[in-house]
C-alpha atoms as a PDB file:
ATOM      1  CA  UNK A   1      62.633  83.009  49.438  1.00  0.00           C
ATOM      2  CA  UNK A   2      66.051  81.987  50.687  1.00  0.00           C
ATOM      3  CA  UNK A   3      67.044  85.669  51.031  1.00  0.00           C
ATOM      4  CA  UNK A   4      64.068  86.275  53.305  1.00  0.00           C
ATOM      5  CA  UNK A   5      64.810  83.286  55.499  1.00  0.00           C
ATOM      6  CA  UNK A   6      68.360  84.403  55.935  1.00  0.00           C
ATOM      7  CA  UNK A   7      67.139  87.848  56.931  1.00  0.00           C
ATOM      8  CA  UNK A   8      64.797  86.453  59.522  1.00  0.00           C
ATOM      9  CA  UNK A   9      67.644  84.269  60.937  1.00  0.00           C
ATOM     10  CA  UNK A  10      69.908  87.183  61.031  1.00  0.00           C
ATOM     11  CA  UNK A  11      67.282  89.433  62.878  1.00  0.00           C
ATOM     12  CA  UNK A  12      66.685  86.475  65.233  1.00  0.00           C
ATOM     13  CA  UNK A  13      70.312  85.899  66.163  1.00  0.00           C
ATOM     14  CA  UNK A  14      70.768  89.736  66.396  1.00  0.00           C
ATOM     15  CA  UNK A  15      67.831  90.098  68.866  1.00  0.00           C
ATOM     16  CA  UNK A  16      69.178  87.183  70.898  1.00  0.00           C
ATOM     17  CA  UNK A  17      72.726  88.905  71.037  1.00  0.00           C
ATOM     18  CA  UNK A  18      71.125  92.251  71.956  1.00  0.00           C
ATOM     19  CA  UNK A  19      68.982  90.654  74.699  1.00  0.00           C
ATOM     20  CA  UNK A  20      71.908  88.888  76.078  1.00  0.00           C
ATOM     21  CA  UNK A  21      74.002  92.056  76.113  1.00  0.00           C
ATOM     22  CA  UNK A  22      71.191  94.050  77.790  1.00  0.00           C
ATOM     23  CA  UNK A  23      70.836  91.238  80.524  1.00  0.00           C
ATOM     24  CA  UNK A  24      74.545  91.349  81.011  1.00  0.00           C
ATOM     25  CA  UNK A  25      74.615  95.052  81.453  1.00  0.00           C
ATOM     26  CA  UNK A  26      71.832  94.772  83.904  1.00  0.00           C
ATOM     27  CA  UNK A  27      73.702  92.074  85.784  1.00  0.00           C
ATOM     28  CA  UNK A  28      76.684  94.233  85.911  1.00  0.00           C
ATOM     29  CA  UNK A  29      74.646  97.136  87.327  1.00  0.00           C
ATOM     30  CA  UNK A  30      73.158  94.852  89.937  1.00  0.00           C
ATOM     31  CA  UNK A  31      76.717  93.630  90.860  1.00  0.00           C
ATOM     32  CA  UNK A  32      77.974  97.244  91.229  1.00  0.00           C
ATOM     33  CA  UNK A  33      75.126  97.948  93.517  1.00  0.00           C
ATOM     34  CA  UNK A  34      75.382  94.743  95.498  1.00  0.00           C
ATOM     35  CA  UNK A  35      76.398  94.803  99.221  1.00  0.00           C
ATOM     36  CA  UNK A  36      77.311  91.177  99.482  1.00  0.00           C
ATOM     37  CA  UNK A  37      80.730  91.241  97.874  1.00  0.00           C
ATOM     38  CA  UNK A  38      79.980  91.269  94.006  1.00  0.00           C
ATOM     39  CA  UNK A  39      81.103  94.839  93.735  1.00  0.00           C
ATOM     40  CA  UNK A  40      84.512  94.025  95.266  1.00  0.00           C
ATOM     41  CA  UNK A  41      85.017  91.221  92.662  1.00  0.00           C
ATOM     42  CA  UNK A  42      83.921  93.457  89.954  1.00  0.00           C
ATOM     43  CA  UNK A  43      86.254  96.149  91.065  1.00  0.00           C
ATOM     44  CA  UNK A  44      89.040  93.686  90.772  1.00  0.00           C
ATOM     45  CA  UNK A  45      87.883  92.734  87.296  1.00  0.00           C
ATOM     46  CA  UNK A  46      87.959  96.472  86.231  1.00  0.00           C
ATOM     47  CA  UNK A  47      91.347  96.868  87.812  1.00  0.00           C
ATOM     48  CA  UNK A  48      93.034  93.749  86.456  1.00  0.00           C
ATOM     49  CA  UNK A  49      91.401  93.819  82.961  1.00  0.00           C
ATOM     50  CA  UNK A  50      92.002  97.606  82.633  1.00  0.00           C
ATOM     51  CA  UNK A  51      88.584  97.868  80.978  1.00  0.00           C
ATOM     52  CA  UNK A  52      87.239 100.979  82.516  1.00  0.00           C
ATOM     53  CA  UNK A  53      89.046 103.115  79.852  1.00  0.00           C
ATOM     54  CA  UNK A  54      86.827 103.692  76.797  1.00  0.00           C
ATOM     55  CA  UNK A  55      88.413 102.456  73.552  1.00  0.00           C
ATOM     56  CA  UNK A  56      90.314  99.779  75.537  1.00  0.00           C
ATOM     57  CA  UNK A  57      87.329  97.574  76.411  1.00  0.00           C
ATOM     58  CA  UNK A  58      88.283  94.664  74.236  1.00  0.00           C
ATOM     59  CA  UNK A  59      92.022  94.671  75.338  1.00  0.00           C
ATOM     60  CA  UNK A  60      93.179  93.764  78.485  1.00  0.00           C
ATOM     61  CA  UNK A  61      96.907  94.578  79.197  1.00  0.00           C
ATOM     62  CA  UNK A  62      97.165  91.364  81.245  1.00  0.00           C
ATOM     63  CA  UNK A  63      94.986  89.070  79.274  1.00  0.00           C
ATOM     64  CA  UNK A  64      95.906  86.107  81.456  1.00  0.00           C
ATOM     65  CA  UNK A  65      95.219  87.806  84.719  1.00  0.00           C
ATOM     66  CA  UNK A  66      91.969  89.308  83.273  1.00  0.00           C
ATOM     67  CA  UNK A  67      90.759  85.829  82.138  1.00  0.00           C
ATOM     68  CA  UNK A  68      91.636  84.385  85.544  1.00  0.00           C
ATOM     69  CA  UNK A  69      89.485  87.021  87.476  1.00  0.00           C
ATOM     70  CA  UNK A  70      86.650  86.755  85.097  1.00  0.00           C
ATOM     71  CA  UNK A  71      86.640  83.046  85.669  1.00  0.00           C
ATOM     72  CA  UNK A  72      86.386  83.830  89.366  1.00  0.00           C
ATOM     73  CA  UNK A  73      83.549  86.117  88.768  1.00  0.00           C
ATOM     74  CA  UNK A  74      81.636  83.454  86.747  1.00  0.00           C
ATOM     75  CA  UNK A  75      82.386  80.791  89.368  1.00  0.00           C
ATOM     76  CA  UNK A  76      81.409  82.982  92.366  1.00  0.00           C
ATOM     77  CA  UNK A  77      78.207  84.514  90.652  1.00  0.00           C
ATOM     78  CA  UNK A  78      76.797  81.834  88.284  1.00  0.00           C
ATOM     79  CA  UNK A  79      74.426  84.342  86.781  1.00  0.00           C
ATOM     80  CA  UNK A  80      77.490  85.842  84.813  1.00  0.00           C
ATOM     81  CA  UNK A  81      78.183  82.403  83.017  1.00  0.00           C
ATOM     82  CA  UNK A  82      76.094  83.443  79.912  1.00  0.00           C
ATOM     83  CA  UNK A  83      77.979  86.660  79.779  1.00  0.00           C
ATOM     84  CA  UNK A  84      81.438  85.153  79.451  1.00  0.00           C
ATOM     85  CA  UNK A  85      83.029  82.205  77.650  1.00  0.00           C
ATOM     86  CA  UNK A  86      84.499  79.561  79.725  1.00  0.00           C
ATOM     87  CA  UNK A  87      86.771  76.909  78.444  1.00  0.00           C
ATOM     88  CA  UNK A  88      89.378  74.799  80.333  1.00  0.00           C
ATOM     89  CA  UNK A  89      89.665  77.247  83.170  1.00  0.00           C
ATOM     90  CA  UNK A  90      90.309  80.160  80.687  1.00  0.00           C
ATOM     91  CA  UNK A  91      87.477  82.553  80.140  1.00  0.00           C
ATOM     92  CA  UNK A  92      86.996  85.550  77.843  1.00  0.00           C
ATOM     93  CA  UNK A  93      85.031  88.796  77.976  1.00  0.00           C
ATOM     94  CA  UNK A  94      82.118  88.428  75.373  1.00  0.00           C
ATOM     95  CA  UNK A  95      79.043  90.325  76.077  1.00  0.00           C
ATOM     96  CA  UNK A  96      80.085  91.527  79.547  1.00  0.00           C
ATOM     97  CA  UNK A  97      80.405  95.121  78.539  1.00  0.00           C
ATOM     98  CA  UNK A  98      77.991  95.323  75.635  1.00  0.00           C
ATOM     99  CA  UNK A  99      80.617  94.517  73.011  1.00  0.00           C
ATOM    100  CA  UNK A 100      81.710  91.419  71.368  1.00  0.00           C
ATOM    101  CA  UNK A 101      85.197  91.076  72.836  1.00  0.00           C
ATOM    102  CA  UNK A 102      87.182  87.855  72.446  1.00  0.00           C
ATOM    103  CA  UNK A 103      90.487  86.743  73.885  1.00  0.00           C
ATOM    104  CA  UNK A 104      90.419  83.222  72.561  1.00  0.00           C
ATOM    105  CA  UNK A 105      92.180  80.436  74.287  1.00  0.00           C
ATOM    106  CA  UNK A 106      94.811  79.861  71.733  1.00  0.00           C
ATOM    107  CA  UNK A 107      95.962  83.506  71.906  1.00  0.00           C
ATOM    108  CA  UNK A 108      96.248  83.151  75.557  1.00  0.00           C
ATOM    109  CA  UNK A 109      98.132  79.910  75.576  1.00  0.00           C
ATOM    110  CA  UNK A 110     100.479  81.466  72.968  1.00  0.00           C
ATOM    111  CA  UNK A 111     101.037  84.431  75.064  1.00  0.00           C
ATOM    112  CA  UNK A 112     101.682  82.562  78.171  1.00  0.00           C
ATOM    113  CA  UNK A 113     104.134  80.403  76.244  1.00  0.00           C
ATOM    114  CA  UNK A 114     105.818  83.413  74.854  1.00  0.00           C
ATOM    115  CA  UNK A 115     106.130  84.989  78.466  1.00  0.00           C
ATOM    116  CA  UNK A 116     107.487  81.695  80.045  1.00  0.00           C
ATOM    117  CA  UNK A 117     109.918  81.273  76.864  1.00  0.00           C
ATOM    118  CA  UNK A 118     111.715  84.394  78.268  1.00  0.00           C
ATOM    119  CA  UNK A 119     112.051  82.850  81.719  1.00  0.00           C
ATOM    120  CA  UNK A 120     115.268  81.284  82.723  1.00  0.00           C
ATOM    121  CA  UNK A 121     113.424  78.881  84.881  1.00  0.00           C
ATOM    122  CA  UNK A 122     111.761  77.387  81.914  1.00  0.00           C
ATOM    123  CA  UNK A 123     115.136  76.151  80.626  1.00  0.00           C
ATOM    124  CA  UNK A 124     115.917  74.350  83.739  1.00  0.00           C
ATOM    125  CA  UNK A 125     115.561  70.469  84.013  1.00  0.00           C
ATOM    126  CA  UNK A 126     113.457  69.207  86.719  1.00  0.00           C
ATOM    127  CA  UNK A 127     115.675  67.575  89.515  1.00  0.00           C
ATOM    128  CA  UNK A 128     114.295  65.847  92.621  1.00  0.00           C
ATOM    129  CA  UNK A 129     114.848  66.878  96.205  1.00  0.00           C
ATOM    130  CA  UNK A 130     114.605  70.602  95.573  1.00  0.00           C
ATOM    131  CA  UNK A 131     113.674  72.478  98.728  1.00  0.00           C
ATOM    132  CA  UNK A 132     110.585  74.657  98.476  1.00  0.00           C
ATOM    133  CA  UNK A 133     112.666  77.739  99.869  1.00  0.00           C
ATOM    134  CA  UNK A 134     115.020  77.359  96.884  1.00  0.00           C
ATOM    135  CA  UNK A 135     112.155  77.033  94.433  1.00  0.00           C
ATOM    136  CA  UNK A 136     110.288  79.917  95.918  1.00  0.00           C
ATOM    137  CA  UNK A 137     113.496  82.159  95.864  1.00  0.00           C
ATOM    138  CA  UNK A 138     114.130  81.275  92.139  1.00  0.00           C
ATOM    139  CA  UNK A 139     110.581  82.083  91.179  1.00  0.00           C
ATOM    140  CA  UNK A 140     110.655  85.414  93.018  1.00  0.00           C
ATOM    141  CA  UNK A 141     113.978  86.328  91.299  1.00  0.00           C
ATOM    142  CA  UNK A 142     112.559  85.485  87.936  1.00  0.00           C
ATOM    143  CA  UNK A 143     110.559  88.259  86.362  1.00  0.00           C
ATOM    144  CA  UNK A 144     107.997  86.081  84.567  1.00  0.00           C
ATOM    145  CA  UNK A 145     107.543  83.472  87.439  1.00  0.00           C
ATOM    146  CA  UNK A 146     107.227  86.350  90.054  1.00  0.00           C
ATOM    147  CA  UNK A 147     104.468  88.065  88.091  1.00  0.00           C
ATOM    148  CA  UNK A 148     102.472  84.952  87.932  1.00  0.00           C
ATOM    149  CA  UNK A 149     103.030  84.056  91.511  1.00  0.00           C
ATOM    150  CA  UNK A 150     102.014  87.591  92.561  1.00  0.00           C
ATOM    151  CA  UNK A 151      98.731  87.261  90.740  1.00  0.00           C
ATOM    152  CA  UNK A 152      98.086  84.046  92.355  1.00  0.00           C
ATOM    153  CA  UNK A 153      98.984  85.207  95.913  1.00  0.00           C
ATOM    154  CA  UNK A 154      96.815  88.292  95.549  1.00  0.00           C
ATOM    155  CA  UNK A 155      93.880  86.026  95.285  1.00  0.00           C
ATOM    156  CA  UNK A 156      95.118  83.442  97.957  1.00  0.00           C
ATOM    157  CA  UNK A 157      96.586  85.966 100.377  1.00  0.00           C
ATOM    158  CA  UNK A 158      96.601  84.992 104.037  1.00  0.00           C
ATOM    159  CA  UNK A 159      95.972  88.598 105.017  1.00  0.00           C
ATOM    160  CA  UNK A 160      92.426  88.697 103.795  1.00  0.00           C
ATOM    161  CA  UNK A 161      89.442  86.344 104.418  1.00  0.00           C
ATOM    162  CA  UNK A 162      89.997  83.152 102.560  1.00  0.00           C
ATOM    163  CA  UNK A 163      87.624  82.342  99.532  1.00  0.00           C
ATOM    164  CA  UNK A 164      88.463  78.681  98.753  1.00  0.00           C
ATOM    165  CA  UNK A 165      86.960  78.790  95.385  1.00  0.00           C
ATOM    166  CA  UNK A 166      88.607  81.920  94.215  1.00  0.00           C
ATOM    167  CA  UNK A 167      91.976  80.637  95.519  1.00  0.00           C
ATOM    168  CA  UNK A 168      91.554  77.250  93.896  1.00  0.00           C
ATOM    169  CA  UNK A 169      90.780  79.010  90.496  1.00  0.00           C
ATOM    170  CA  UNK A 170      93.897  81.149  90.931  1.00  0.00           C
ATOM    171  CA  UNK A 171      95.990  77.943  91.584  1.00  0.00           C
ATOM    172  CA  UNK A 172      94.630  76.086  88.539  1.00  0.00           C
ATOM    173  CA  UNK A 173      95.481  79.038  86.410  1.00  0.00           C
ATOM    174  CA  UNK A 174      98.942  79.372  88.001  1.00  0.00           C
ATOM    175  CA  UNK A 175     100.024  75.689  87.554  1.00  0.00           C
ATOM    176  CA  UNK A 176      98.230  75.018  84.243  1.00  0.00           C
ATOM    177  CA  UNK A 177      99.913  77.902  82.334  1.00  0.00           C
ATOM    178  CA  UNK A 178     103.491  77.308  83.175  1.00  0.00           C
ATOM    179  CA  UNK A 179     105.925  74.746  81.626  1.00  0.00           C
ATOM    180  CA  UNK A 180     105.667  71.249  82.902  1.00  0.00           C
ATOM    181  CA  UNK A 181     109.199  71.313  84.222  1.00  0.00           C
ATOM    182  CA  UNK A 182     108.477  74.403  86.256  1.00  0.00           C
ATOM    183  CA  UNK A 183     105.297  72.997  87.549  1.00  0.00           C
ATOM    184  CA  UNK A 184     107.008  69.822  88.784  1.00  0.00           C
ATOM    185  CA  UNK A 185     109.765  71.842  90.496  1.00  0.00           C
ATOM    186  CA  UNK A 186     107.172  73.533  92.484  1.00  0.00           C
ATOM    187  CA  UNK A 187     104.599  70.744  93.285  1.00  0.00           C
ATOM    188  CA  UNK A 188     107.104  68.262  94.214  1.00  0.00           C
ATOM    189  CA  UNK A 189     109.441  70.468  96.283  1.00  0.00           C
ATOM    190  CA  UNK A 190     109.789  69.548  99.963  1.00  0.00           C
ATOM    191  CA  UNK A 191     111.379  70.661 103.234  1.00  0.00           C
ATOM    192  CA  UNK A 192     114.046  68.202 104.270  1.00  0.00           C
ATOM    193  CA  UNK A 193     114.631  69.590 107.825  1.00  0.00           C
ATOM    194  CA  UNK A 194     112.426  71.499 110.229  1.00  0.00           C
ATOM    195  CA  UNK A 195     113.150  74.751 108.525  1.00  0.00           C
ATOM    196  CA  UNK A 196     110.319  77.455 109.250  1.00  0.00           C
ATOM    197  CA  UNK A 197     111.147  79.574 106.219  1.00  0.00           C
ATOM    198  CA  UNK A 198     110.991  76.497 103.879  1.00  0.00           C
ATOM    199  CA  UNK A 199     107.692  75.345 105.494  1.00  0.00           C
ATOM    200  CA  UNK A 200     106.175  78.856 104.810  1.00  0.00           C
ATOM    201  CA  UNK A 201     107.425  78.722 101.139  1.00  0.00           C
ATOM    202  CA  UNK A 202     105.906  75.356 100.731  1.00  0.00           C
ATOM    203  CA  UNK A 203     102.584  76.527 102.200  1.00  0.00           C
ATOM    204  CA  UNK A 204     102.613  79.554  99.850  1.00  0.00           C
ATOM    205  CA  UNK A 205     103.380  77.478  96.696  1.00  0.00           C
ATOM    206  CA  UNK A 206     101.056  74.651  97.585  1.00  0.00           C
ATOM    207  CA  UNK A 207      97.964  76.847  98.293  1.00  0.00           C
ATOM    208  CA  UNK A 208      97.862  76.205 102.105  1.00  0.00           C
ATOM    209  CA  UNK A 209      95.835  76.804 104.079  1.00  0.00           C
ATOM    210  CA  UNK A 210      93.260  78.624 101.897  1.00  0.00           C
ATOM    211  CA  UNK A 211      92.868  76.335  98.849  1.00  0.00           C
ATOM    212  CA  UNK A 212      93.264  72.915 100.696  1.00  0.00           C
ATOM    213  CA  UNK A 213      92.068  73.320 104.355  1.00  0.00           C
ATOM    214  CA  UNK A 214      88.350  73.128 105.133  1.00  0.00           C
ATOM    215  CA  UNK A 215      87.041  73.206 108.651  1.00  0.00           C
ATOM    216  CA  UNK A 216      85.934  70.752 109.640  1.00  0.00           C
ATOM    217  CA  UNK A 217      87.762  68.563 107.208  1.00  0.00           C
ATOM    218  CA  UNK A 218      85.598  66.593 104.781  1.00  0.00           C
ATOM    219  CA  UNK A 219      85.633  62.753 104.438  1.00  0.00           C
ATOM    220  CA  UNK A 220      87.637  61.504 101.575  1.00  0.00           C
ATOM    221  CA  UNK A 221      84.404  59.685 100.451  1.00  0.00           C
ATOM    222  CA  UNK A 222      82.714  63.106 100.294  1.00  0.00           C
ATOM    223  CA  UNK A 223      85.552  64.840  98.403  1.00  0.00           C
ATOM    224  CA  UNK A 224      85.257  62.080  95.646  1.00  0.00           C
ATOM    225  CA  UNK A 225      81.402  62.232  95.497  1.00  0.00           C
ATOM    226  CA  UNK A 226      81.411  66.099  95.328  1.00  0.00           C
ATOM    227  CA  UNK A 227      84.064  66.048  92.719  1.00  0.00           C
ATOM    228  CA  UNK A 228      82.181  63.598  90.574  1.00  0.00           C
ATOM    229  CA  UNK A 229      79.201  66.008  90.516  1.00  0.00           C
ATOM    230  CA  UNK A 230      81.339  68.798  89.087  1.00  0.00           C
ATOM    231  CA  UNK A 231      82.208  68.487  85.411  1.00  0.00           C
ATOM    232  CA  UNK A 232      85.734  69.989  85.555  1.00  0.00           C
ATOM    233  CA  UNK A 233      86.766  68.007  88.696  1.00  0.00           C
ATOM    234  CA  UNK A 234      85.304  64.884  87.316  1.00  0.00           C
ATOM    235  CA  UNK A 235      87.293  65.070  84.032  1.00  0.00           C
ATOM    236  CA  UNK A 236      90.372  65.568  86.025  1.00  0.00           C
ATOM    237  CA  UNK A 237      89.774  62.789  88.491  1.00  0.00           C
ATOM    238  CA  UNK A 238      89.073  60.428  85.521  1.00  0.00           C
ATOM    239  CA  UNK A 239      92.395  61.323  83.873  1.00  0.00           C
ATOM    240  CA  UNK A 240      94.363  61.145  87.108  1.00  0.00           C
ATOM    241  CA  UNK A 241      92.998  57.780  87.821  1.00  0.00           C
ATOM    242  CA  UNK A 242      93.602  56.358  84.274  1.00  0.00           C
ATOM    243  CA  UNK A 243      97.108  57.916  84.158  1.00  0.00           C
ATOM    244  CA  UNK A 244      98.351  57.068  87.710  1.00  0.00           C
ATOM    245  CA  UNK A 245      96.196  54.158  88.937  1.00  0.00           C
ATOM    246  CA  UNK A 246      95.482  52.349  85.711  1.00  0.00           C
ATOM    247  CA  UNK A 247      95.177  49.060  87.719  1.00  0.00           C
ATOM    248  CA  UNK A 248      92.322  50.565  89.742  1.00  0.00           C
ATOM    249  CA  UNK A 249      90.516  51.809  86.658  1.00  0.00           C
ATOM    250  CA  UNK A 250      91.071  48.553  84.819  1.00  0.00           C
ATOM    251  CA  UNK A 251      89.799  46.334  87.589  1.00  0.00           C
ATOM    252  CA  UNK A 252      87.056  48.359  89.220  1.00  0.00           C
ATOM    253  CA  UNK A 253      86.267  51.429  87.347  1.00  0.00           C
ATOM    254  CA  UNK A 254      83.482  53.249  89.361  1.00  0.00           C
ATOM    255  CA  UNK A 255      82.383  50.190  91.184  1.00  0.00           C
ATOM    256  CA  UNK A 256      82.784  50.976  94.903  1.00  0.00           C
ATOM    257  CA  UNK A 257      82.033  47.571  96.142  1.00  0.00           C
ATOM    258  CA  UNK A 258      84.859  46.275  93.942  1.00  0.00           C
ATOM    259  CA  UNK A 259      87.163  49.144  95.066  1.00  0.00           C
ATOM    260  CA  UNK A 260      86.670  48.247  98.657  1.00  0.00           C
ATOM    261  CA  UNK A 261      88.198  44.816  97.953  1.00  0.00           C
ATOM    262  CA  UNK A 262      91.595  46.422  96.889  1.00  0.00           C
ATOM    263  CA  UNK A 263      94.298  46.839  99.268  1.00  0.00           C
ATOM    264  CA  UNK A 264      97.286  49.293  98.935  1.00  0.00           C
ATOM    265  CA  UNK A 265      99.629  46.427  97.963  1.00  0.00           C
ATOM    266  CA  UNK A 266      97.129  45.781  94.861  1.00  0.00           C
ATOM    267  CA  UNK A 267      97.694  49.378  93.650  1.00  0.00           C
ATOM    268  CA  UNK A 268     100.957  49.882  91.619  1.00  0.00           C
ATOM    269  CA  UNK A 269     101.136  53.470  90.537  1.00  0.00           C
ATOM    270  CA  UNK A 270     102.632  54.355  87.240  1.00  0.00           C
ATOM    271  CA  UNK A 271     104.489  57.786  88.275  1.00  0.00           C
ATOM    272  CA  UNK A 272     105.454  58.464  84.773  1.00  0.00           C
ATOM    273  CA  UNK A 273     105.295  61.997  83.131  1.00  0.00           C
ATOM    274  CA  UNK A 274     101.621  61.499  82.154  1.00  0.00           C
ATOM    275  CA  UNK A 275     100.733  60.655  85.733  1.00  0.00           C
ATOM    276  CA  UNK A 276     102.716  63.662  87.118  1.00  0.00           C
ATOM    277  CA  UNK A 277     100.893  65.907  84.617  1.00  0.00           C
ATOM    278  CA  UNK A 278      97.569  64.578  85.779  1.00  0.00           C
ATOM    279  CA  UNK A 279      98.475  64.899  89.307  1.00  0.00           C
ATOM    280  CA  UNK A 280      99.522  68.556  88.856  1.00  0.00           C
ATOM    281  CA  UNK A 281      96.164  69.147  87.016  1.00  0.00           C
ATOM    282  CA  UNK A 282      94.375  68.223  90.156  1.00  0.00           C
ATOM    283  CA  UNK A 283      95.895  71.273  91.937  1.00  0.00           C
ATOM    284  CA  UNK A 284      93.181  73.874  92.476  1.00  0.00           C
ATOM    285  CA  UNK A 285      90.276  71.300  92.608  1.00  0.00           C
ATOM    286  CA  UNK A 286      88.488  69.518  95.500  1.00  0.00           C
ATOM    287  CA  UNK A 287      90.783  66.671  95.040  1.00  0.00           C
ATOM    288  CA  UNK A 288      93.656  68.501  96.877  1.00  0.00           C
ATOM    289  CA  UNK A 289      91.461  69.383  99.871  1.00  0.00           C
ATOM    290  CA  UNK A 290      92.724  67.686 103.044  1.00  0.00           C
ATOM    291  CA  UNK A 291      90.321  64.944 103.881  1.00  0.00           C
ATOM    292  CA  UNK A 292      89.960  62.495 106.681  1.00  0.00           C
ATOM    293  CA  UNK A 293      88.472  59.071 107.366  1.00  0.00           C
ATOM    294  CA  UNK A 294      87.723  59.720 110.970  1.00  0.00           C
ATOM    295  CA  UNK A 295      84.145  59.557 112.412  1.00  0.00           C
ATOM    296  CA  UNK A 296      82.970  57.220 109.518  1.00  0.00           C
ATOM    297  CA  UNK A 297      81.266  53.894 109.933  1.00  0.00           C
ATOM    298  CA  UNK A 298      83.673  50.819 110.039  1.00  0.00           C
ATOM    299  CA  UNK A 299      82.010  49.586 106.714  1.00  0.00           C
ATOM    300  CA  UNK A 300      83.093  52.998 104.978  1.00  0.00           C
ATOM    301  CA  UNK A 301      86.721  52.946 106.256  1.00  0.00           C
ATOM    302  CA  UNK A 302      88.284  50.586 103.605  1.00  0.00           C
ATOM    303  CA  UNK A 303      87.022  52.649 100.657  1.00  0.00           C
ATOM    304  CA  UNK A 304      87.805  56.047 102.303  1.00  0.00           C
ATOM    305  CA  UNK A 305      91.414  54.929 103.135  1.00  0.00           C
ATOM    306  CA  UNK A 306      91.720  53.737  99.527  1.00  0.00           C
ATOM    307  CA  UNK A 307      90.671  57.244  98.245  1.00  0.00           C
ATOM    308  CA  UNK A 308      92.883  58.880 100.771  1.00  0.00           C
ATOM    309  CA  UNK A 309      95.857  56.817  99.573  1.00  0.00           C
ATOM    310  CA  UNK A 310      95.165  57.678  95.932  1.00  0.00           C
ATOM    311  CA  UNK A 311      94.848  61.358  96.536  1.00  0.00           C
ATOM    312  CA  UNK A 312      97.492  62.142  99.246  1.00  0.00           C
ATOM    313  CA  UNK A 313      99.996  59.360  99.328  1.00  0.00           C
ATOM    314  CA  UNK A 314     103.402  60.473  98.159  1.00  0.00           C
ATOM    315  CA  UNK A 315     104.521  56.902  97.408  1.00  0.00           C
ATOM    316  CA  UNK A 316     103.623  57.383  93.878  1.00  0.00           C
ATOM    317  CA  UNK A 317     106.357  60.092  93.403  1.00  0.00           C
ATOM    318  CA  UNK A 318     108.952  59.434  96.046  1.00  0.00           C
END
């Protein structure tokens, strides 16, 4: 009968859920007993999500910070991916603690918007030629911005061993959850004169060195190829190209032989608001890693230089 079919289906899905929960709890135990660093990430999860208190397991006081560190856990230890829900860099506790907990994306973006709406910074219009020292100072003096900045710097701190992937996840979260005007203010700030304090502020705001400096630096060809193998990065690169370098996309799309024939003069950049938003969206991905065209074969140089121009040239926004 129809009733018995529903009963069987219900029991089947319940058994899957129970099995998944058991697996996740087992993973958690393994993580806590692990000497390779999983325990320290888990301790940060417990600390930031405030989930060690019984009765508070489905509520995180700082839902945004909590989701960010859970994303880091899932990125760093992929076996946890089935225990959490990851969407657009946001990620919610589901069966991680043996309970169905959800902090869905809409609630989080609403909460972030609400926090930022209380910030005086979000009411400022973006103006060009702001120094990074001024922007950093304004952020620190603004309660909402300072809280978000502190969470990001906690992960990317220069005082501890750099973990590039964790720091990149923190940068993605920092820039993608703030108003566009504020993100522009921070990403396009610069230092006009050789001012040490300003350069330090710029490095802090722009994720240097941890999120962007690899040793040895990869070739720009390698950066693009690695990005194209990663779903999140590939989507961002496709959007960035279509919004900023429409001519390149229209003429060559992914044909590298065609791309090699282009020269910088052939490459008008749109530099409109959509392009700026796509550029900011690249922050916290492989696309922002400093790359080089040194030590490549002469035949690989034209394409490499083209990629370097697209990813790192400031001509588009100056």
